[in-house]
Amino acid sequence: MNSADIIATCALLFTVGSFWWLSARAGKLEIVGEPRSYSFAASGNLTLNLPLVFNNSRPLAAIAINLRIRIQERAFPSTVPFVATRDAVKPKEGSTSREMATSIVIQGRETRVVCCEFISAPFDVVMAKPLDVGVTVEAFIWRRWRQPSWTPLLTFPLRLSASAVAHRNQYLTYDNQTD
């Protein structure tokens, strides 16, 4: 093997590797940042609507078969299922755009906001004061060569203000930023 053969082999390996890196890697689903706002009610059942920014920076599609949230607070249910998508964080009066939960598919190099509604019924949340609740969004992710599994995508504090505590029996929208 002479030097020309070595250079040609290296060029071929570089070309194949570059093609795989740019065009054939499996998608990786991520959620970018914590939700800026949310809709919440907690009387009889826990209802939480979160605007989640899904991102896939790789070339092939990323698929979440299902979503759920885990809550790290004793006064709340530990797991809350994904039940629907909404057209906004606070749907307009009379809006009928409430689609049942479906798989979420984010194409390669795509970012999309999806307002996800999570409901745990029956569960009456008892809160006496404002608090920050640790929430983890998990996705049941499909992978080509592995079994689907629950994967944590984002952990963030859900900031329940004094207003959210006082009006917990009404489905209202709140800011999730610190003061």
Protein backbone atom coordinates (compact mmCIF):
# COMPACT_ATOMS: atom_id res chain seq x y z
CA MET A 1 0.00 0.00 0.00
CA ASN A 2 1.58 3.28 -1.08
CA SER A 3 0.88 6.82 0.11
CA ALA A 4 -1.73 7.46 -2.62
CA ASP A 5 -3.76 4.47 -1.39
CA ILE A 6 -3.60 5.71 2.20
CA ILE A 7 -4.73 9.21 1.18
CA ALA A 8 -7.59 7.77 -0.94
CA THR A 9 -8.71 5.53 1.95
CA CYS A 10 -8.66 8.45 4.40
CA ALA A 11 -10.66 10.60 1.96
CA LEU A 12 -13.26 7.85 1.57
CA LEU A 13 -13.56 7.38 5.34
CA PHE A 14 -13.88 11.14 5.81
CA THR A 15 -16.63 11.32 3.15
CA VAL A 16 -18.64 8.44 4.62
CA GLY A 17 -18.23 9.79 8.16
CA SER A 18 -19.27 13.30 7.10
CA PHE A 19 -22.34 11.99 5.30
CA TRP A 20 -23.41 10.03 8.39
CA TRP A 21 -22.79 13.01 10.68
CA LEU A 22 -24.72 15.47 8.50
CA SER A 23 -27.52 13.30 7.10
CA ALA A 24 -28.04 9.98 8.83
CA ARG A 25 -27.84 10.46 12.61
CA ALA A 26 -30.99 9.57 14.55
CA GLY A 27 -32.96 12.48 15.99
CA LYS A 28 -32.55 13.55 19.61
CA LEU A 29 -35.57 15.16 21.27
CA GLU A 30 -34.92 18.02 23.68
CA ILE A 31 -37.01 20.64 25.44
CA VAL A 32 -35.44 24.09 25.32
CA GLY A 33 -35.76 26.08 28.54
CA GLU A 34 -38.46 26.09 31.17
CA PRO A 35 -42.00 27.23 30.33
CA ARG A 36 -42.46 31.00 30.63
CA SER A 37 -46.12 30.66 31.65
CA TYR A 38 -48.67 27.96 32.40
CA SER A 39 -52.38 27.37 32.99
CA PHE A 40 -53.34 25.64 36.21
CA ALA A 41 -56.33 24.40 38.21
CA ALA A 42 -56.35 22.02 41.16
CA SER A 43 -59.82 21.36 42.52
CA GLY A 44 -61.15 17.85 42.01
CA ASN A 45 -58.39 17.13 39.51
CA LEU A 46 -55.01 18.62 38.70
CA THR A 47 -54.96 20.32 35.28
CA LEU A 48 -51.71 21.80 33.99
CA ASN A 49 -51.15 23.28 30.51
CA LEU A 50 -47.47 23.81 29.67
CA PRO A 51 -46.06 25.44 26.50
CA LEU A 52 -43.06 23.23 25.77
CA VAL A 53 -40.44 24.12 23.14
CA PHE A 54 -39.34 20.86 21.50
CA ASN A 55 -36.10 20.83 19.54
CA ASN A 56 -34.34 18.28 17.36
CA SER A 57 -30.92 19.46 16.19
CA ARG A 58 -30.07 16.24 14.38
CA PRO A 59 -30.94 15.34 10.76
CA LEU A 60 -33.54 12.56 11.24
CA ALA A 61 -36.91 12.86 12.99
CA ALA A 62 -37.27 12.44 16.76
CA ILE A 63 -40.42 10.74 18.05
CA ALA A 64 -42.00 10.91 21.50
CA ILE A 65 -44.71 8.26 21.68
CA ASN A 66 -46.11 9.72 24.91
CA LEU A 67 -45.38 12.33 27.57
CA ARG A 68 -45.90 12.58 31.31
CA ILE A 69 -44.79 14.82 34.13
CA ARG A 70 -43.36 13.78 37.46
CA ILE A 71 -43.91 16.11 40.39
CA GLN A 72 -41.55 16.19 43.37
CA GLU A 73 -44.01 17.53 45.96
CA ARG A 74 -45.99 15.44 48.45
CA ALA A 75 -49.24 17.42 48.05
CA PHE A 76 -49.35 16.62 44.31
CA PRO A 77 -49.74 13.37 42.36
CA SER A 78 -46.33 11.86 41.59
CA THR A 79 -47.12 11.20 37.90
CA VAL A 80 -49.53 13.16 35.69
CA PRO A 81 -50.37 11.86 32.19
CA PHE A 82 -50.42 13.82 28.95
CA VAL A 83 -54.03 14.01 27.71
CA ALA A 84 -54.31 16.73 25.05
CA THR A 85 -52.68 19.51 23.07
CA ARG A 86 -54.14 23.01 23.14
CA ASP A 87 -53.81 25.83 20.63
CA ALA A 88 -52.46 28.21 23.30
CA VAL A 89 -51.50 28.40 26.98
CA LYS A 90 -54.75 30.22 27.64
CA PRO A 91 -57.23 29.14 24.96
CA LYS A 92 -59.61 31.86 23.83
CA GLU A 93 -63.20 31.81 25.10
CA GLY A 94 -65.24 29.38 23.01
CA SER A 95 -62.16 27.77 21.45
CA THR A 96 -62.77 24.19 20.35
CA SER A 97 -59.15 23.45 19.47
CA ARG A 98 -58.34 20.72 21.99
CA GLU A 99 -56.78 17.74 20.27
CA MET A 100 -56.42 14.43 22.06
CA ALA A 101 -52.90 13.43 23.01
CA THR A 102 -50.88 12.01 20.13
CA SER A 103 -47.27 11.16 19.51
CA ILE A 104 -45.05 14.18 19.01
CA VAL A 105 -42.84 14.07 15.93
CA ILE A 106 -40.16 16.74 15.48
CA GLN A 107 -38.48 16.60 12.09
CA GLY A 108 -34.72 16.97 11.75
CA ARG A 109 -33.36 20.42 12.61
CA GLU A 110 -36.81 21.64 13.68
CA THR A 111 -38.04 23.53 16.75
CA ARG A 112 -41.72 23.72 17.65
CA VAL A 113 -43.86 24.94 20.55
CA VAL A 114 -46.52 22.47 21.68
CA CYS A 115 -48.99 23.40 24.44
CA CYS A 116 -49.38 20.14 26.34
CA GLU A 117 -52.21 19.56 28.80
CA PHE A 118 -51.64 17.16 31.69
CA ILE A 119 -54.56 16.03 33.85
CA SER A 120 -54.60 13.79 36.90
CA ALA A 121 -58.11 12.99 38.09
CA PRO A 122 -59.41 12.64 40.71
CA PHE A 123 -56.87 14.46 42.85
CA ASP A 124 -57.51 17.46 45.08
CA VAL A 125 -54.32 19.44 45.65
CA VAL A 126 -54.16 21.15 49.04
CA MET A 127 -51.89 24.20 49.21
CA ALA A 128 -51.67 26.79 51.98
CA LYS A 129 -48.99 29.12 50.62
CA PRO A 130 -47.03 29.89 47.43
CA LEU A 131 -44.39 27.31 46.59
CA ASP A 132 -42.00 26.15 43.92
CA VAL A 133 -42.81 22.64 42.75
CA GLY A 134 -40.16 20.53 41.02
CA VAL A 135 -41.53 19.18 37.72
CA THR A 136 -39.83 16.75 35.36
CA VAL A 137 -41.16 16.27 31.82
CA GLU A 138 -40.54 12.74 30.57
CA ALA A 139 -41.04 11.32 27.10
CA PHE A 140 -41.58 7.72 26.04
CA ILE A 141 -39.09 7.88 23.17
CA TRP A 142 -38.92 5.53 20.22
CA ARG A 143 -35.45 4.60 19.03
CA ARG A 144 -34.65 2.53 15.97
CA TRP A 145 -32.23 0.07 17.58
CA ARG A 146 -33.43 0.08 21.19
CA GLN A 147 -36.62 -0.51 23.11
CA PRO A 148 -38.74 2.61 23.75
CA SER A 149 -38.16 3.98 27.26
CA TRP A 150 -39.14 6.89 29.49
CA THR A 151 -36.48 9.58 29.25
CA PRO A 152 -36.37 12.81 31.28
CA LEU A 153 -36.26 15.82 28.95
CA LEU A 154 -36.51 18.77 31.34
CA THR A 155 -36.64 19.48 35.07
CA PHE A 156 -37.80 22.91 36.15
CA PRO A 157 -39.50 24.72 39.06
CA LEU A 158 -43.22 25.39 38.62
CA ARG A 159 -43.70 28.60 40.57
CA LEU A 160 -47.17 28.58 42.15
CA SER A 161 -47.83 32.17 43.21
CA ALA A 162 -50.17 33.41 45.94
CA SER A 163 -52.74 34.05 43.20
CA ALA A 164 -52.47 30.46 41.92
CA VAL A 165 -52.95 29.14 45.46
CA ALA A 166 -55.92 31.42 46.14
CA HIS A 167 -57.64 30.66 42.81
CA ARG A 168 -56.66 27.00 42.48
CA ASN A 169 -60.27 26.00 41.77
CA GLN A 170 -60.29 28.14 38.57
CA TYR A 171 -58.43 27.30 35.34
CA LEU A 172 -56.26 30.43 34.99
CA THR A 173 -52.95 31.35 33.39
CA TYR A 174 -49.92 32.40 35.44
CA ASP A 175 -46.39 33.65 34.88
CA ASN A 176 -43.62 31.18 35.77
CA GLN A 177 -40.82 33.72 36.15
CA THR A 178 -39.20 34.69 39.41
CA ASP A 179 -40.08 38.09 40.82
